[in-house]
PDB file of N, CA and C in Angstrom:
ATOM      1  N   UNK A   1     182.631 255.516  53.520  1.00  0.00           N
ATOM      2  CA  UNK A   1     181.425 254.777  53.243  1.00  0.00           C
ATOM      3  C   UNK A   1     180.753 255.371  52.000  1.00  0.00           C
ATOM      4  N   UNK A   2     180.255 254.495  51.153  1.00  0.00           N
ATOM      5  CA  UNK A   2     179.550 254.945  49.959  1.00  0.00           C
ATOM      6  C   UNK A   2     178.259 255.666  50.336  1.00  0.00           C
ATOM      7  N   UNK A   3     177.957 256.714  49.581  1.00  0.00           N
ATOM      8  CA  UNK A   3     176.733 257.481  49.778  1.00  0.00           C
ATOM      9  C   UNK A   3     175.837 257.260  48.561  1.00  0.00           C
ATOM     10  N   UNK A   4     174.802 256.484  48.762  1.00  0.00           N
ATOM     11  CA  UNK A   4     173.898 256.140  47.672  1.00  0.00           C
ATOM     12  C   UNK A   4     172.480 256.526  48.034  1.00  0.00           C
ATOM     13  N   UNK A   5     171.594 256.461  47.038  1.00  0.00           N
ATOM     14  CA  UNK A   5     170.221 256.797  47.336  1.00  0.00           C
ATOM     15  C   UNK A   5     169.305 256.665  46.141  1.00  0.00           C
ATOM     16  N   UNK A   6     168.085 257.063  46.372  1.00  0.00           N
ATOM     17  CA  UNK A   6     167.030 257.057  45.365  1.00  0.00           C
ATOM     18  C   UNK A   6     166.599 258.491  45.127  1.00  0.00           C
ATOM     19  N   UNK A   7     166.703 258.950  43.893  1.00  0.00           N
ATOM     20  CA  UNK A   7     166.302 260.292  43.508  1.00  0.00           C
ATOM     21  C   UNK A   7     164.919 260.242  42.876  1.00  0.00           C
ATOM     22  N   UNK A   8     164.004 261.059  43.416  1.00  0.00           N
ATOM     23  CA  UNK A   8     162.662 261.103  42.858  1.00  0.00           C
ATOM     24  C   UNK A   8     161.880 262.255  43.444  1.00  0.00           C
ATOM     25  N   UNK A   9     160.599 262.249  43.154  1.00  0.00           N
ATOM     26  CA  UNK A   9     159.703 263.282  43.673  1.00  0.00           C
ATOM     27  C   UNK A   9     159.188 262.894  45.046  1.00  0.00           C
ATOM     28  N   UNK A  10     158.131 262.156  45.093  1.00  0.00           N
ATOM     29  CA  UNK A  10     157.574 261.665  46.368  1.00  0.00           C
ATOM     30  C   UNK A  10     158.030 260.234  46.587  1.00  0.00           C
ATOM     31  N   UNK A  11     158.734 259.996  47.680  1.00  0.00           N
ATOM     32  CA  UNK A  11     159.361 258.686  47.900  1.00  0.00           C
ATOM     33  C   UNK A  11     158.976 258.036  49.219  1.00  0.00           C
ATOM     34  N   UNK A  12     158.037 258.596  49.936  1.00  0.00           N
ATOM     35  CA  UNK A  12     157.671 258.068  51.244  1.00  0.00           C
ATOM     36  C   UNK A  12     157.227 256.619  51.229  1.00  0.00           C
ATOM     37  N   UNK A  13     156.774 256.120  50.094  1.00  0.00           N
ATOM     38  CA  UNK A  13     156.300 254.739  49.969  1.00  0.00           C
ATOM     39  C   UNK A  13     157.436 253.747  49.713  1.00  0.00           C
ATOM     40  N   UNK A  14     158.658 254.243  49.480  1.00  0.00           N
ATOM     41  CA  UNK A  14     159.767 253.392  49.036  1.00  0.00           C
ATOM     42  C   UNK A  14     160.322 252.504  50.153  1.00  0.00           C
ATOM     43  N   UNK A  15     160.553 251.252  49.799  1.00  0.00           N
ATOM     44  CA  UNK A  15     161.218 250.303  50.689  1.00  0.00           C
ATOM     45  C   UNK A  15     162.724 250.243  50.426  1.00  0.00           C
ATOM     46  N   UNK A  16     163.205 251.059  49.509  1.00  0.00           N
ATOM     47  CA  UNK A  16     164.608 250.987  49.096  1.00  0.00           C
ATOM     48  C   UNK A  16     165.618 251.084  50.239  1.00  0.00           C
ATOM     49  N   UNK A  17     165.486 252.019  51.194  1.00  0.00           N
ATOM     50  CA  UNK A  17     166.482 252.068  52.279  1.00  0.00           C
ATOM     51  C   UNK A  17     166.539 250.762  53.070  1.00  0.00           C
ATOM     52  N   UNK A  18     165.405 250.167  53.364  1.00  0.00           N
ATOM     53  CA  UNK A  18     165.391 248.907  54.120  1.00  0.00           C
ATOM     54  C   UNK A  18     166.016 247.778  53.309  1.00  0.00           C
ATOM     55  N   UNK A  19     165.718 247.729  52.024  1.00  0.00           N
ATOM     56  CA  UNK A  19     166.283 246.688  51.157  1.00  0.00           C
ATOM     57  C   UNK A  19     167.796 246.833  51.069  1.00  0.00           C
ATOM     58  N   UNK A  20     168.274 248.058  50.847  1.00  0.00           N
ATOM     59  CA  UNK A  20     169.720 248.272  50.716  1.00  0.00           C
ATOM     60  C   UNK A  20     170.447 248.066  52.042  1.00  0.00           C
ATOM     61  N   UNK A  21     169.794 248.307  53.155  1.00  0.00           N
ATOM     62  CA  UNK A  21     170.407 248.036  54.460  1.00  0.00           C
ATOM     63  C   UNK A  21     170.687 246.540  54.615  1.00  0.00           C
ATOM     64  N   UNK A  22     169.836 245.708  54.027  1.00  0.00           N
ATOM     65  CA  UNK A  22     170.047 244.260  54.080  1.00  0.00           C
ATOM     66  C   UNK A  22     171.102 243.799  53.079  1.00  0.00           C
ATOM     67  N   UNK A  23     171.331 244.575  52.012  1.00  0.00           N
ATOM     68  CA  UNK A  23     172.232 244.165  50.942  1.00  0.00           C
ATOM     69  C   UNK A  23     173.697 244.489  51.206  1.00  0.00           C
ATOM     70  N   UNK A  24     173.962 245.570  51.918  1.00  0.00           N
ATOM     71  CA  UNK A  24     175.360 245.944  52.065  1.00  0.00           C
ATOM     72  C   UNK A  24     175.583 246.984  53.141  1.00  0.00           C
ATOM     73  N   UNK A  25     176.848 247.336  53.302  1.00  0.00           N
ATOM     74  CA  UNK A  25     177.260 248.290  54.330  1.00  0.00           C
ATOM     75  C   UNK A  25     177.564 249.639  53.676  1.00  0.00           C
ATOM     76  N   UNK A  26     176.508 250.348  53.304  1.00  0.00           N
ATOM     77  CA  UNK A  26     176.652 251.664  52.710  1.00  0.00           C
ATOM     78  C   UNK A  26     175.409 252.485  53.042  1.00  0.00           C
ATOM     79  N   UNK A  27     175.553 253.783  52.961  1.00  0.00           N
ATOM     80  CA  UNK A  27     174.441 254.689  53.222  1.00  0.00           C
ATOM     81  C   UNK A  27     173.517 254.702  52.008  1.00  0.00           C
ATOM     82  N   UNK A  28     172.223 254.594  52.240  1.00  0.00           N
ATOM     83  CA  UNK A  28     171.236 254.675  51.167  1.00  0.00           C
ATOM     84  C   UNK A  28     170.080 255.540  51.651  1.00  0.00           C
ATOM     85  N   UNK A  29     169.937 256.719  51.042  1.00  0.00           N
ATOM     86  CA  UNK A  29     168.940 257.687  51.486  1.00  0.00           C
ATOM     87  C   UNK A  29     167.896 257.932  50.403  1.00  0.00           C
ATOM     88  N   UNK A  30     166.740 258.374  50.833  1.00  0.00           N
ATOM     89  CA  UNK A  30     165.725 258.850  49.906  1.00  0.00           C
ATOM     90  C   UNK A  30     166.014 260.321  49.639  1.00  0.00           C
ATOM     91  N   UNK A  31     166.140 260.682  48.381  1.00  0.00           N
ATOM     92  CA  UNK A  31     166.466 262.053  47.989  1.00  0.00           C
ATOM     93  C   UNK A  31     165.272 262.641  47.246  1.00  0.00           C
ATOM     94  N   UNK A  32     164.301 263.121  48.009  1.00  0.00           N
ATOM     95  CA  UNK A  32     163.115 263.748  47.427  1.00  0.00           C
ATOM     96  C   UNK A  32     163.473 265.164  47.002  1.00  0.00           C
ATOM     97  N   UNK A  33     163.330 265.435  45.721  1.00  0.00           N
ATOM     98  CA  UNK A  33     163.681 266.754  45.188  1.00  0.00           C
ATOM     99  C   UNK A  33     162.566 267.275  44.291  1.00  0.00           C
ATOM    100  N   UNK A  34     162.388 268.579  44.327  1.00  0.00           N
ATOM    101  CA  UNK A  34     161.474 269.219  43.382  1.00  0.00           C
ATOM    102  C   UNK A  34     162.225 269.360  42.054  1.00  0.00           C
ATOM    103  N   UNK A  35     161.514 269.598  40.963  1.00  0.00           N
ATOM    104  CA  UNK A  35     162.211 269.791  39.684  1.00  0.00           C
ATOM    105  C   UNK A  35     163.262 270.901  39.751  1.00  0.00           C
ATOM    106  N   UNK A  36     162.994 271.937  40.511  1.00  0.00           N
ATOM    107  CA  UNK A  36     163.933 273.050  40.630  1.00  0.00           C
ATOM    108  C   UNK A  36     165.194 272.674  41.413  1.00  0.00           C
ATOM    109  N   UNK A  37     165.128 271.666  42.237  1.00  0.00           N
ATOM    110  CA  UNK A  37     166.266 271.257  43.068  1.00  0.00           C
ATOM    111  C   UNK A  37     167.171 270.222  42.416  1.00  0.00           C
ATOM    112  N   UNK A  38     166.699 269.549  41.385  1.00  0.00           N
ATOM    113  CA  UNK A  38     167.432 268.412  40.818  1.00  0.00           C
ATOM    114  C   UNK A  38     168.811 268.799  40.303  1.00  0.00           C
ATOM    115  N   UNK A  39     168.909 269.835  39.502  1.00  0.00           N
ATOM    116  CA  UNK A  39     170.202 270.235  38.940  1.00  0.00           C
ATOM    117  C   UNK A  39     171.223 270.579  40.001  1.00  0.00           C
ATOM    118  N   UNK A  40     170.816 271.356  40.972  1.00  0.00           N
ATOM    119  CA  UNK A  40     171.711 271.745  42.079  1.00  0.00           C
ATOM    120  C   UNK A  40     172.167 270.517  42.858  1.00  0.00           C
ATOM    121  N   UNK A  41     171.233 269.582  43.093  1.00  0.00           N
ATOM    122  CA  UNK A  41     171.564 268.356  43.813  1.00  0.00           C
ATOM    123  C   UNK A  41     172.575 267.521  43.029  1.00  0.00           C
ATOM    124  N   UNK A  42     172.347 267.351  41.739  1.00  0.00           N
ATOM    125  CA  UNK A  42     173.232 266.516  40.930  1.00  0.00           C
ATOM    126  C   UNK A  42     174.629 267.104  40.785  1.00  0.00           C
ATOM    127  N   UNK A  43     174.733 268.407  40.709  1.00  0.00           N
ATOM    128  CA  UNK A  43     176.051 269.031  40.566  1.00  0.00           C
ATOM    129  C   UNK A  43     176.734 269.250  41.909  1.00  0.00           C
ATOM    130  N   UNK A  44     175.998 269.076  43.004  1.00  0.00           N
ATOM    131  CA  UNK A  44     176.557 269.288  44.335  1.00  0.00           C
ATOM    132  C   UNK A  44     177.490 268.193  44.805  1.00  0.00           C
ATOM    133  N   UNK A  45     177.402 267.021  44.231  1.00  0.00           N
ATOM    134  CA  UNK A  45     178.339 265.959  44.538  1.00  0.00           C
ATOM    135  C   UNK A  45     178.157 265.243  45.857  1.00  0.00           C
ATOM    136  N   UNK A  46     176.968 265.270  46.451  1.00  0.00           N
ATOM    137  CA  UNK A  46     176.769 264.645  47.758  1.00  0.00           C
ATOM    138  C   UNK A  46     176.352 263.182  47.646  1.00  0.00           C
ATOM    139  N   UNK A  47     176.782 262.494  46.593  1.00  0.00           N
ATOM    140  CA  UNK A  47     176.429 261.080  46.421  1.00  0.00           C
ATOM    141  C   UNK A  47     177.496 260.369  45.592  1.00  0.00           C
ATOM    142  N   UNK A  48     177.548 259.053  45.743  1.00  0.00           N
ATOM    143  CA  UNK A  48     178.421 258.212  44.922  1.00  0.00           C
ATOM    144  C   UNK A  48     177.624 257.465  43.857  1.00  0.00           C
ATOM    145  N   UNK A  49     176.389 257.139  44.181  1.00  0.00           N
ATOM    146  CA  UNK A  49     175.527 256.446  43.238  1.00  0.00           C
ATOM    147  C   UNK A  49     174.066 256.700  43.568  1.00  0.00           C
ATOM    148  N   UNK A  50     173.249 256.759  42.534  1.00  0.00           N
ATOM    149  CA  UNK A  50     171.821 257.002  42.722  1.00  0.00           C
ATOM    150  C   UNK A  50     170.998 256.107  41.805  1.00  0.00           C
ATOM    151  N   UNK A  51     169.895 255.633  42.321  1.00  0.00           N
ATOM    152  CA  UNK A  51     168.845 255.092  41.479  1.00  0.00           C
ATOM    153  C   UNK A  51     167.945 256.274  41.170  1.00  0.00           C
ATOM    154  N   UNK A  52     167.407 256.317  39.970  1.00  0.00           N
ATOM    155  CA  UNK A  52     166.565 257.439  39.551  1.00  0.00           C
ATOM    156  C   UNK A  52     165.182 256.900  39.226  1.00  0.00           C
ATOM    157  N   UNK A  53     164.178 257.553  39.774  1.00  0.00           N
ATOM    158  CA  UNK A  53     162.808 257.139  39.509  1.00  0.00           C
ATOM    159  C   UNK A  53     162.029 258.285  38.877  1.00  0.00           C
ATOM    160  N   UNK A  54     160.838 257.972  38.457  1.00  0.00           N
ATOM    161  CA  UNK A  54     159.951 258.965  37.870  1.00  0.00           C
ATOM    162  C   UNK A  54     159.726 260.072  38.904  1.00  0.00           C
ATOM    163  N   UNK A  55     159.804 261.303  38.536  1.00  0.00           N
ATOM    164  CA  UNK A  55     159.716 261.874  37.200  1.00  0.00           C
ATOM    165  C   UNK A  55     161.055 262.312  36.608  1.00  0.00           C
ATOM    166  N   UNK A  56     162.194 261.846  37.130  1.00  0.00           N
ATOM    167  CA  UNK A  56     163.482 262.423  36.743  1.00  0.00           C
ATOM    168  C   UNK A  56     164.346 261.556  35.833  1.00  0.00           C
ATOM    169  N   UNK A  57     163.838 260.454  35.332  1.00  0.00           N
ATOM    170  CA  UNK A  57     164.639 259.563  34.498  1.00  0.00           C
ATOM    171  C   UNK A  57     165.171 260.229  33.232  1.00  0.00           C
ATOM    172  N   UNK A  58     164.433 261.177  32.689  1.00  0.00           N
ATOM    173  CA  UNK A  58     164.894 261.922  31.507  1.00  0.00           C
ATOM    174  C   UNK A  58     165.636 263.191  31.907  1.00  0.00           C
ATOM    175  N   UNK A  59     165.220 263.803  32.998  1.00  0.00           N
ATOM    176  CA  UNK A  59     165.802 265.080  33.426  1.00  0.00           C
ATOM    177  C   UNK A  59     167.270 264.980  33.808  1.00  0.00           C
ATOM    178  N   UNK A  60     167.742 263.804  34.208  1.00  0.00           N
ATOM    179  CA  UNK A  60     169.137 263.667  34.639  1.00  0.00           C
ATOM    180  C   UNK A  60     170.112 263.545  33.469  1.00  0.00           C
ATOM    181  N   UNK A  61     169.610 263.266  32.275  1.00  0.00           N
ATOM    182  CA  UNK A  61     170.487 263.026  31.122  1.00  0.00           C
ATOM    183  C   UNK A  61     171.479 264.157  30.872  1.00  0.00           C
ATOM    184  N   UNK A  62     171.092 265.424  30.904  1.00  0.00           N
ATOM    185  CA  UNK A  62     172.081 266.487  30.656  1.00  0.00           C
ATOM    186  C   UNK A  62     173.216 266.533  31.684  1.00  0.00           C
ATOM    187  N   UNK A  63     173.058 265.895  32.821  1.00  0.00           N
ATOM    188  CA  UNK A  63     174.084 265.899  33.868  1.00  0.00           C
ATOM    189  C   UNK A  63     175.018 264.698  33.762  1.00  0.00           C
ATOM    190  N   UNK A  64     174.799 263.826  32.792  1.00  0.00           N
ATOM    191  CA  UNK A  64     175.605 262.617  32.625  1.00  0.00           C
ATOM    192  C   UNK A  64     176.771 262.880  31.682  1.00  0.00           C
ATOM    193  N   UNK A  65     177.977 262.530  32.127  1.00  0.00           N
ATOM    194  CA  UNK A  65     179.153 262.639  31.272  1.00  0.00           C
ATOM    195  C   UNK A  65     179.154 261.535  30.219  1.00  0.00           C
ATOM    196  N   UNK A  66     178.553 260.404  30.548  1.00  0.00           N
ATOM    197  CA  UNK A  66     178.459 259.263  29.637  1.00  0.00           C
ATOM    198  C   UNK A  66     177.069 258.652  29.755  1.00  0.00           C
ATOM    199  N   UNK A  67     176.625 258.035  28.677  1.00  0.00           N
ATOM    200  CA  UNK A  67     175.377 257.281  28.691  1.00  0.00           C
ATOM    201  C   UNK A  67     175.629 255.904  28.108  1.00  0.00           C
ATOM    202  N   UNK A  68     175.005 254.893  28.678  1.00  0.00           N
ATOM    203  CA  UNK A  68     175.091 253.564  28.076  1.00  0.00           C
ATOM    204  C   UNK A  68     174.312 253.579  26.768  1.00  0.00           C
ATOM    205  N   UNK A  69     174.582 252.605  25.917  1.00  0.00           N
ATOM    206  CA  UNK A  69     173.830 252.501  24.667  1.00  0.00           C
ATOM    207  C   UNK A  69     172.340 252.347  24.944  1.00  0.00           C
ATOM    208  N   UNK A  70     172.009 251.590  25.991  1.00  0.00           N
ATOM    209  CA  UNK A  70     170.601 251.371  26.337  1.00  0.00           C
ATOM    210  C   UNK A  70     169.942 252.674  26.782  1.00  0.00           C
ATOM    211  N   UNK A  71     170.597 253.418  27.672  1.00  0.00           N
ATOM    212  CA  UNK A  71     170.038 254.691  28.136  1.00  0.00           C
ATOM    213  C   UNK A  71     169.852 255.649  26.972  1.00  0.00           C
ATOM    214  N   UNK A  72     170.815 255.673  26.078  1.00  0.00           N
ATOM    215  CA  UNK A  72     170.718 256.554  24.912  1.00  0.00           C
ATOM    216  C   UNK A  72     169.539 256.135  24.028  1.00  0.00           C
ATOM    217  N   UNK A  73     169.367 254.833  23.826  1.00  0.00           N
ATOM    218  CA  UNK A  73     168.308 254.329  22.956  1.00  0.00           C
ATOM    219  C   UNK A  73     166.913 254.597  23.521  1.00  0.00           C
ATOM    220  N   UNK A  74     166.751 254.436  24.838  1.00  0.00           N
ATOM    221  CA  UNK A  74     165.415 254.625  25.419  1.00  0.00           C
ATOM    222  C   UNK A  74     165.181 256.052  25.904  1.00  0.00           C
ATOM    223  N   UNK A  75     166.250 256.842  25.988  1.00  0.00           N
ATOM    224  CA  UNK A  75     166.106 258.231  26.399  1.00  0.00           C
ATOM    225  C   UNK A  75     165.778 258.406  27.864  1.00  0.00           C
ATOM    226  N   UNK A  76     166.269 257.473  28.693  1.00  0.00           N
ATOM    227  CA  UNK A  76     166.001 257.539  30.132  1.00  0.00           C
ATOM    228  C   UNK A  76     167.139 256.858  30.888  1.00  0.00           C
ATOM    229  N   UNK A  77     167.342 257.300  32.134  1.00  0.00           N
ATOM    230  CA  UNK A  77     168.415 256.774  32.975  1.00  0.00           C
ATOM    231  C   UNK A  77     167.827 256.219  34.261  1.00  0.00           C
ATOM    232  N   UNK A  78     168.283 255.035  34.654  1.00  0.00           N
ATOM    233  CA  UNK A  78     167.815 254.398  35.879  1.00  0.00           C
ATOM    234  C   UNK A  78     168.837 254.495  36.997  1.00  0.00           C
ATOM    235  N   UNK A  79     170.122 254.553  36.668  1.00  0.00           N
ATOM    236  CA  UNK A  79     171.182 254.547  37.676  1.00  0.00           C
ATOM    237  C   UNK A  79     172.273 255.541  37.314  1.00  0.00           C
ATOM    238  N   UNK A  80     172.720 256.305  38.300  1.00  0.00           N
ATOM    239  CA  UNK A  80     173.838 257.227  38.138  1.00  0.00           C
ATOM    240  C   UNK A  80     174.989 256.780  39.018  1.00  0.00           C
ATOM    241  N   UNK A  81     176.194 256.799  38.459  1.00  0.00           N
ATOM    242  CA  UNK A  81     177.402 256.472  39.217  1.00  0.00           C
ATOM    243  C   UNK A  81     178.365 257.637  39.066  1.00  0.00           C
ATOM    244  N   UNK A  82     178.791 258.189  40.194  1.00  0.00           N
ATOM    245  CA  UNK A  82     179.746 259.302  40.162  1.00  0.00           C
ATOM    246  C   UNK A  82     181.154 258.713  40.041  1.00  0.00           C
ATOM    247  N   UNK A  83     181.862 259.159  39.041  1.00  0.00           N
ATOM    248  CA  UNK A  83     183.242 258.712  38.810  1.00  0.00           C
ATOM    249  C   UNK A  83     184.178 259.899  38.946  1.00  0.00           C
ATOM    250  N   UNK A  84     185.426 259.595  39.250  1.00  0.00           N
ATOM    251  CA  UNK A  84     186.429 260.658  39.408  1.00  0.00           C
ATOM    252  C   UNK A  84     186.646 261.400  38.104  1.00  0.00           C
TER     253      UNK A  84
END
């Protein structure tokens, strides 16, 4: 089963898990991380895909092997996909 989620700071207000439960058959978790935890979380490999919200849209860039032209142009990332 795919392991997906939302990466951010405070996420208790998010409806994302309920929305994704209606969209498909995959795990979708809220991944609340402090700035100090983000790097360890991203390199730990416990996800297949993530949506990224404020305040980490710029902080995830150094962990990306590739960036879309749009992400590069705006200097921010909204979605991460783990590839082999």
